[in-house]
């Protein structure tokens, strides 16, 4: 295990014209000022996963599709995650849920924070993702960022977050880094006991 924590900023939408990439870059810009972890963008658009269709459950890690093995390698390499999600029809995008469903052990005993955006700040999408995180044994942090399409974007397209969101993002990052470090010891102990 590396001594420097690695945190992925996961772009949770692949929709044409999405706002998610701009939101994720804002998160990365703010996170890159920190010295307690390294942060990288992971864009679902770069990982075209099929709909979950394999006969064996992800817990068995017997993936048949090479794209899934690559996804497994990418996700397994991080200590924690910040998920950037829009809200579509009161829920997270199907592509994000699918990407989470493909894996299990790669997510386990790591931390996750959420940055939502939408008409209601992505709140309902984030709440549903917290349930998924619990099943995957991801520790979701309490603080989240909720960006309003009406108040935090110009013409619904260009991100212009209100100042309070920067404070919320800093708190989210603080919590993700702290929990990622704490859970690294859990993963290390589990690896020793499995050896």
C-alpha atoms as a PDB file:
ATOM      1  CA  UNK A   1       0.000   0.000   0.000  1.00  0.00           C
ATOM      2  CA  UNK A   2       1.296   3.421  -0.955  1.00  0.00           C
ATOM      3  CA  UNK A   3       1.913   5.941   1.823  1.00  0.00           C
ATOM      4  CA  UNK A   4       0.219   8.687  -0.208  1.00  0.00           C
ATOM      5  CA  UNK A   5      -3.541   8.374  -0.354  1.00  0.00           C
ATOM      6  CA  UNK A   6      -5.008   8.278  -3.854  1.00  0.00           C
ATOM      7  CA  UNK A   7      -8.520   9.661  -4.296  1.00  0.00           C
ATOM      8  CA  UNK A   8     -10.495   9.330  -7.527  1.00  0.00           C
ATOM      9  CA  UNK A   9     -12.908  12.036  -8.581  1.00  0.00           C
ATOM     10  CA  UNK A  10     -15.449   9.981 -10.485  1.00  0.00           C
ATOM     11  CA  UNK A  11     -17.401  11.699 -13.274  1.00  0.00           C
ATOM     12  CA  UNK A  12     -20.734   9.898 -12.958  1.00  0.00           C
ATOM     13  CA  UNK A  13     -22.423  10.870 -16.236  1.00  0.00           C
ATOM     14  CA  UNK A  14     -21.652  10.105 -19.872  1.00  0.00           C
ATOM     15  CA  UNK A  15     -24.504  12.143 -21.296  1.00  0.00           C
ATOM     16  CA  UNK A  16     -23.785  14.408 -24.284  1.00  0.00           C
ATOM     17  CA  UNK A  17     -23.490  18.000 -23.071  1.00  0.00           C
ATOM     18  CA  UNK A  18     -23.155  16.909 -19.432  1.00  0.00           C
ATOM     19  CA  UNK A  19     -22.224  19.394 -16.726  1.00  0.00           C
ATOM     20  CA  UNK A  20     -20.424  16.693 -14.771  1.00  0.00           C
ATOM     21  CA  UNK A  21     -17.023  17.153 -16.337  1.00  0.00           C
ATOM     22  CA  UNK A  22     -16.976  20.853 -15.420  1.00  0.00           C
ATOM     23  CA  UNK A  23     -18.098  20.076 -11.878  1.00  0.00           C
ATOM     24  CA  UNK A  24     -15.440  17.357 -11.564  1.00  0.00           C
ATOM     25  CA  UNK A  25     -12.733  19.745 -12.796  1.00  0.00           C
ATOM     26  CA  UNK A  26     -13.840  22.281 -10.159  1.00  0.00           C
ATOM     27  CA  UNK A  27     -13.503  19.544  -7.527  1.00  0.00           C
ATOM     28  CA  UNK A  28     -10.089  18.536  -8.882  1.00  0.00           C
ATOM     29  CA  UNK A  29      -8.874  22.153  -8.968  1.00  0.00           C
ATOM     30  CA  UNK A  30      -9.811  22.665  -5.331  1.00  0.00           C
ATOM     31  CA  UNK A  31      -8.517  19.227  -4.258  1.00  0.00           C
ATOM     32  CA  UNK A  32      -5.190  19.719  -6.040  1.00  0.00           C
ATOM     33  CA  UNK A  33      -4.315  22.492  -3.574  1.00  0.00           C
ATOM     34  CA  UNK A  34      -4.143  19.898  -0.805  1.00  0.00           C
ATOM     35  CA  UNK A  35      -1.022  18.021   0.260  1.00  0.00           C
ATOM     36  CA  UNK A  36      -2.638  15.153   2.204  1.00  0.00           C
ATOM     37  CA  UNK A  37      -3.594  13.065  -0.854  1.00  0.00           C
ATOM     38  CA  UNK A  38      -3.341  12.920  -4.622  1.00  0.00           C
ATOM     39  CA  UNK A  39      -6.496  13.386  -6.662  1.00  0.00           C
ATOM     40  CA  UNK A  40      -7.235  12.185 -10.192  1.00  0.00           C
ATOM     41  CA  UNK A  41     -10.232  12.312 -12.507  1.00  0.00           C
ATOM     42  CA  UNK A  42     -11.808   9.013 -13.500  1.00  0.00           C
ATOM     43  CA  UNK A  43     -14.384   9.571 -16.239  1.00  0.00           C
ATOM     44  CA  UNK A  44     -17.008   6.917 -16.907  1.00  0.00           C
ATOM     45  CA  UNK A  45     -16.947   8.057 -20.535  1.00  0.00           C
ATOM     46  CA  UNK A  46     -13.478   6.468 -20.739  1.00  0.00           C
ATOM     47  CA  UNK A  47     -14.802   3.137 -19.423  1.00  0.00           C
ATOM     48  CA  UNK A  48     -17.672   1.970 -21.672  1.00  0.00           C
ATOM     49  CA  UNK A  49     -18.975  -0.855 -19.528  1.00  0.00           C
ATOM     50  CA  UNK A  50     -21.820  -3.019 -20.811  1.00  0.00           C
ATOM     51  CA  UNK A  51     -24.909  -3.443 -18.667  1.00  0.00           C
ATOM     52  CA  UNK A  52     -24.155  -5.915 -15.889  1.00  0.00           C
ATOM     53  CA  UNK A  53     -24.761  -9.232 -17.605  1.00  0.00           C
ATOM     54  CA  UNK A  54     -22.341 -11.825 -16.254  1.00  0.00           C
ATOM     55  CA  UNK A  55     -23.623 -15.018 -14.675  1.00  0.00           C
ATOM     56  CA  UNK A  56     -21.322 -14.916 -11.653  1.00  0.00           C
ATOM     57  CA  UNK A  57     -21.726 -12.208  -8.991  1.00  0.00           C
ATOM     58  CA  UNK A  58     -19.035  -9.500  -8.757  1.00  0.00           C
ATOM     59  CA  UNK A  59     -17.937 -10.800  -5.329  1.00  0.00           C
ATOM     60  CA  UNK A  60     -16.345 -13.760  -7.121  1.00  0.00           C
ATOM     61  CA  UNK A  61     -14.119 -11.481  -9.270  1.00  0.00           C
ATOM     62  CA  UNK A  62     -14.315 -13.862 -12.224  1.00  0.00           C
ATOM     63  CA  UNK A  63     -15.022 -11.222 -14.831  1.00  0.00           C
ATOM     64  CA  UNK A  64     -15.363 -12.442 -18.402  1.00  0.00           C
ATOM     65  CA  UNK A  65     -15.175  -9.047 -20.099  1.00  0.00           C
ATOM     66  CA  UNK A  66     -11.732  -7.359 -20.512  1.00  0.00           C
ATOM     67  CA  UNK A  67     -13.373  -3.942 -20.052  1.00  0.00           C
ATOM     68  CA  UNK A  68     -14.476  -5.006 -16.589  1.00  0.00           C
ATOM     69  CA  UNK A  69     -10.984  -6.230 -15.679  1.00  0.00           C
ATOM     70  CA  UNK A  70      -9.661  -2.791 -16.666  1.00  0.00           C
ATOM     71  CA  UNK A  71     -12.399  -1.098 -14.593  1.00  0.00           C
ATOM     72  CA  UNK A  72     -11.488  -3.347 -11.679  1.00  0.00           C
ATOM     73  CA  UNK A  73      -7.821  -2.371 -11.954  1.00  0.00           C
ATOM     74  CA  UNK A  74      -8.650   1.349 -12.078  1.00  0.00           C
ATOM     75  CA  UNK A  75     -11.034   1.362  -9.114  1.00  0.00           C
ATOM     76  CA  UNK A  76      -8.874  -0.959  -7.012  1.00  0.00           C
ATOM     77  CA  UNK A  77      -5.979   1.506  -7.266  1.00  0.00           C
ATOM     78  CA  UNK A  78      -7.666   4.185  -5.157  1.00  0.00           C
ATOM     79  CA  UNK A  79      -8.080   4.615  -1.413  1.00  0.00           C
ATOM     80  CA  UNK A  80     -11.225   6.714  -1.688  1.00  0.00           C
ATOM     81  CA  UNK A  81     -13.595   8.436  -4.065  1.00  0.00           C
ATOM     82  CA  UNK A  82     -15.482  11.649  -4.649  1.00  0.00           C
ATOM     83  CA  UNK A  83     -18.449  10.848  -6.877  1.00  0.00           C
ATOM     84  CA  UNK A  84     -19.815  13.673  -9.024  1.00  0.00           C
ATOM     85  CA  UNK A  85     -23.408  12.845  -9.917  1.00  0.00           C
ATOM     86  CA  UNK A  86     -26.297  14.565 -11.630  1.00  0.00           C
ATOM     87  CA  UNK A  87     -29.846  13.722 -10.726  1.00  0.00           C
ATOM     88  CA  UNK A  88     -32.025  12.265 -13.466  1.00  0.00           C
ATOM     89  CA  UNK A  89     -35.654  11.536 -12.556  1.00  0.00           C
ATOM     90  CA  UNK A  90     -34.933  11.622  -8.802  1.00  0.00           C
ATOM     91  CA  UNK A  91     -32.032   9.150  -9.183  1.00  0.00           C
ATOM     92  CA  UNK A  92     -28.381   8.851 -10.166  1.00  0.00           C
ATOM     93  CA  UNK A  93     -27.571   8.032 -13.798  1.00  0.00           C
ATOM     94  CA  UNK A  94     -27.920   4.383 -14.753  1.00  0.00           C
ATOM     95  CA  UNK A  95     -24.362   4.370 -16.096  1.00  0.00           C
ATOM     96  CA  UNK A  96     -23.038   5.277 -12.626  1.00  0.00           C
ATOM     97  CA  UNK A  97     -25.103   2.645 -10.824  1.00  0.00           C
ATOM     98  CA  UNK A  98     -24.005   0.075 -13.407  1.00  0.00           C
ATOM     99  CA  UNK A  99     -20.325   0.985 -12.931  1.00  0.00           C
ATOM    100  CA  UNK A 100     -20.694   0.521  -9.195  1.00  0.00           C
ATOM    101  CA  UNK A 101     -22.596  -2.765  -9.584  1.00  0.00           C
ATOM    102  CA  UNK A 102     -19.860  -4.385 -11.679  1.00  0.00           C
ATOM    103  CA  UNK A 103     -17.447  -4.521  -8.730  1.00  0.00           C
ATOM    104  CA  UNK A 104     -17.480  -5.373  -5.049  1.00  0.00           C
ATOM    105  CA  UNK A 105     -14.106  -6.050  -3.413  1.00  0.00           C
ATOM    106  CA  UNK A 106     -12.530  -3.131  -5.276  1.00  0.00           C
ATOM    107  CA  UNK A 107     -14.839  -0.704  -3.411  1.00  0.00           C
ATOM    108  CA  UNK A 108     -14.810  -2.405  -0.007  1.00  0.00           C
ATOM    109  CA  UNK A 109     -13.432  -0.605   3.063  1.00  0.00           C
ATOM    110  CA  UNK A 110     -12.820   2.672   1.304  1.00  0.00           C
ATOM    111  CA  UNK A 111     -14.353   6.127   1.734  1.00  0.00           C
ATOM    112  CA  UNK A 112     -16.678   7.989  -0.594  1.00  0.00           C
ATOM    113  CA  UNK A 113     -18.007  11.529  -0.700  1.00  0.00           C
ATOM    114  CA  UNK A 114     -20.578  13.017  -3.054  1.00  0.00           C
ATOM    115  CA  UNK A 115     -20.949  16.148  -5.155  1.00  0.00           C
ATOM    116  CA  UNK A 116     -24.442  16.286  -6.631  1.00  0.00           C
ATOM    117  CA  UNK A 117     -25.994  18.693  -9.069  1.00  0.00           C
ATOM    118  CA  UNK A 118     -29.459  19.204 -10.468  1.00  0.00           C
ATOM    119  CA  UNK A 119     -32.700  21.056  -9.887  1.00  0.00           C
ATOM    120  CA  UNK A 120     -32.592  20.034  -6.203  1.00  0.00           C
ATOM    121  CA  UNK A 121     -28.798  19.928  -5.924  1.00  0.00           C
ATOM    122  CA  UNK A 122     -28.685  16.226  -6.769  1.00  0.00           C
ATOM    123  CA  UNK A 123     -29.874  15.419  -3.237  1.00  0.00           C
ATOM    124  CA  UNK A 124     -32.078  12.461  -4.171  1.00  0.00           C
ATOM    125  CA  UNK A 125     -29.377  10.929  -6.381  1.00  0.00           C
ATOM    126  CA  UNK A 126     -26.881  11.233  -3.536  1.00  0.00           C
ATOM    127  CA  UNK A 127     -29.292   9.647  -1.053  1.00  0.00           C
ATOM    128  CA  UNK A 128     -29.769   6.642  -3.311  1.00  0.00           C
ATOM    129  CA  UNK A 129     -26.013   6.319  -3.834  1.00  0.00           C
ATOM    130  CA  UNK A 130     -25.502   6.277  -0.058  1.00  0.00           C
ATOM    131  CA  UNK A 131     -27.627   3.102   0.067  1.00  0.00           C
ATOM    132  CA  UNK A 132     -25.555   1.505  -2.687  1.00  0.00           C
ATOM    133  CA  UNK A 133     -22.340   2.542  -0.935  1.00  0.00           C
ATOM    134  CA  UNK A 134     -23.447   0.840   2.258  1.00  0.00           C
ATOM    135  CA  UNK A 135     -24.023  -2.451   0.461  1.00  0.00           C
ATOM    136  CA  UNK A 136     -20.586  -2.209  -1.174  1.00  0.00           C
ATOM    137  CA  UNK A 137     -19.026  -1.507   2.248  1.00  0.00           C
ATOM    138  CA  UNK A 138     -17.983   1.972   1.164  1.00  0.00           C
ATOM    139  CA  UNK A 139     -17.947   4.420   4.070  1.00  0.00           C
ATOM    140  CA  UNK A 140     -19.897   7.451   2.881  1.00  0.00           C
ATOM    141  CA  UNK A 141     -18.971  10.696   4.585  1.00  0.00           C
ATOM    142  CA  UNK A 142     -21.651  12.932   6.018  1.00  0.00           C
ATOM    143  CA  UNK A 143     -20.855  16.205   4.274  1.00  0.00           C
ATOM    144  CA  UNK A 144     -21.808  16.532   0.614  1.00  0.00           C
ATOM    145  CA  UNK A 145     -22.026  19.295  -1.969  1.00  0.00           C
ATOM    146  CA  UNK A 146     -25.359  20.038  -3.653  1.00  0.00           C
ATOM    147  CA  UNK A 147     -25.129  22.356  -6.659  1.00  0.00           C
ATOM    148  CA  UNK A 148     -28.352  23.875  -7.977  1.00  0.00           C
ATOM    149  CA  UNK A 149     -28.805  24.191 -11.721  1.00  0.00           C
ATOM    150  CA  UNK A 150     -30.711  27.418 -10.983  1.00  0.00           C
ATOM    151  CA  UNK A 151     -28.294  29.096  -8.587  1.00  0.00           C
ATOM    152  CA  UNK A 152     -24.842  27.610  -9.261  1.00  0.00           C
ATOM    153  CA  UNK A 153     -24.733  27.543 -13.064  1.00  0.00           C
ATOM    154  CA  UNK A 154     -24.940  30.354 -15.579  1.00  0.00           C
ATOM    155  CA  UNK A 155     -27.546  29.565 -18.251  1.00  0.00           C
ATOM    156  CA  UNK A 156     -27.727  26.053 -16.704  1.00  0.00           C
ATOM    157  CA  UNK A 157     -24.352  25.220 -18.343  1.00  0.00           C
ATOM    158  CA  UNK A 158     -21.378  27.090 -16.888  1.00  0.00           C
ATOM    159  CA  UNK A 159     -20.514  26.295 -13.296  1.00  0.00           C
ATOM    160  CA  UNK A 160     -20.469  29.348 -11.029  1.00  0.00           C
ATOM    161  CA  UNK A 161     -20.804  27.881  -7.519  1.00  0.00           C
ATOM    162  CA  UNK A 162     -21.769  30.025  -4.585  1.00  0.00           C
ATOM    163  CA  UNK A 163     -19.016  30.459  -1.992  1.00  0.00           C
ATOM    164  CA  UNK A 164     -20.631  28.162   0.568  1.00  0.00           C
ATOM    165  CA  UNK A 165     -20.114  25.251  -1.810  1.00  0.00           C
ATOM    166  CA  UNK A 166     -16.347  25.718  -1.667  1.00  0.00           C
ATOM    167  CA  UNK A 167     -16.554  25.353   2.121  1.00  0.00           C
ATOM    168  CA  UNK A 168     -18.761  22.265   1.758  1.00  0.00           C
ATOM    169  CA  UNK A 169     -16.343  20.784  -0.752  1.00  0.00           C
ATOM    170  CA  UNK A 170     -13.381  21.400   1.552  1.00  0.00           C
ATOM    171  CA  UNK A 171     -15.238  19.675   4.390  1.00  0.00           C
ATOM    172  CA  UNK A 172     -16.180  16.757   2.123  1.00  0.00           C
ATOM    173  CA  UNK A 173     -12.557  16.368   1.043  1.00  0.00           C
ATOM    174  CA  UNK A 174     -11.379  16.562   4.680  1.00  0.00           C
ATOM    175  CA  UNK A 175     -13.730  13.730   5.592  1.00  0.00           C
ATOM    176  CA  UNK A 176     -12.901  11.581   2.563  1.00  0.00           C
ATOM    177  CA  UNK A 177      -9.169  11.896   3.192  1.00  0.00           C
ATOM    178  CA  UNK A 178      -9.507  11.189   6.929  1.00  0.00           C
ATOM    179  CA  UNK A 179     -11.696   8.128   6.391  1.00  0.00           C
ATOM    180  CA  UNK A 180      -9.561   6.901   3.493  1.00  0.00           C
ATOM    181  CA  UNK A 181      -6.515   6.959   5.756  1.00  0.00           C
ATOM    182  CA  UNK A 182      -8.322   5.212   8.588  1.00  0.00           C
ATOM    183  CA  UNK A 183      -9.730   2.532   6.302  1.00  0.00           C
ATOM    184  CA  UNK A 184      -6.312   1.896   4.743  1.00  0.00           C
ATOM    185  CA  UNK A 185      -5.366   0.291   8.056  1.00  0.00           C
ATOM    186  CA  UNK A 186      -8.473  -1.900   7.879  1.00  0.00           C
ATOM    187  CA  UNK A 187      -7.551  -3.062   4.378  1.00  0.00           C
ATOM    188  CA  UNK A 188      -3.951  -3.692   5.433  1.00  0.00           C
ATOM    189  CA  UNK A 189      -5.065  -5.799   8.422  1.00  0.00           C
ATOM    190  CA  UNK A 190      -7.437  -7.769   6.202  1.00  0.00           C
ATOM    191  CA  UNK A 191      -4.628  -8.441   3.691  1.00  0.00           C
ATOM    192  CA  UNK A 192      -2.356  -9.714   6.479  1.00  0.00           C
ATOM    193  CA  UNK A 193      -5.041 -12.020   7.839  1.00  0.00           C
ATOM    194  CA  UNK A 194      -5.780 -13.368   4.348  1.00  0.00           C
ATOM    195  CA  UNK A 195      -2.098 -14.169   3.718  1.00  0.00           C
END
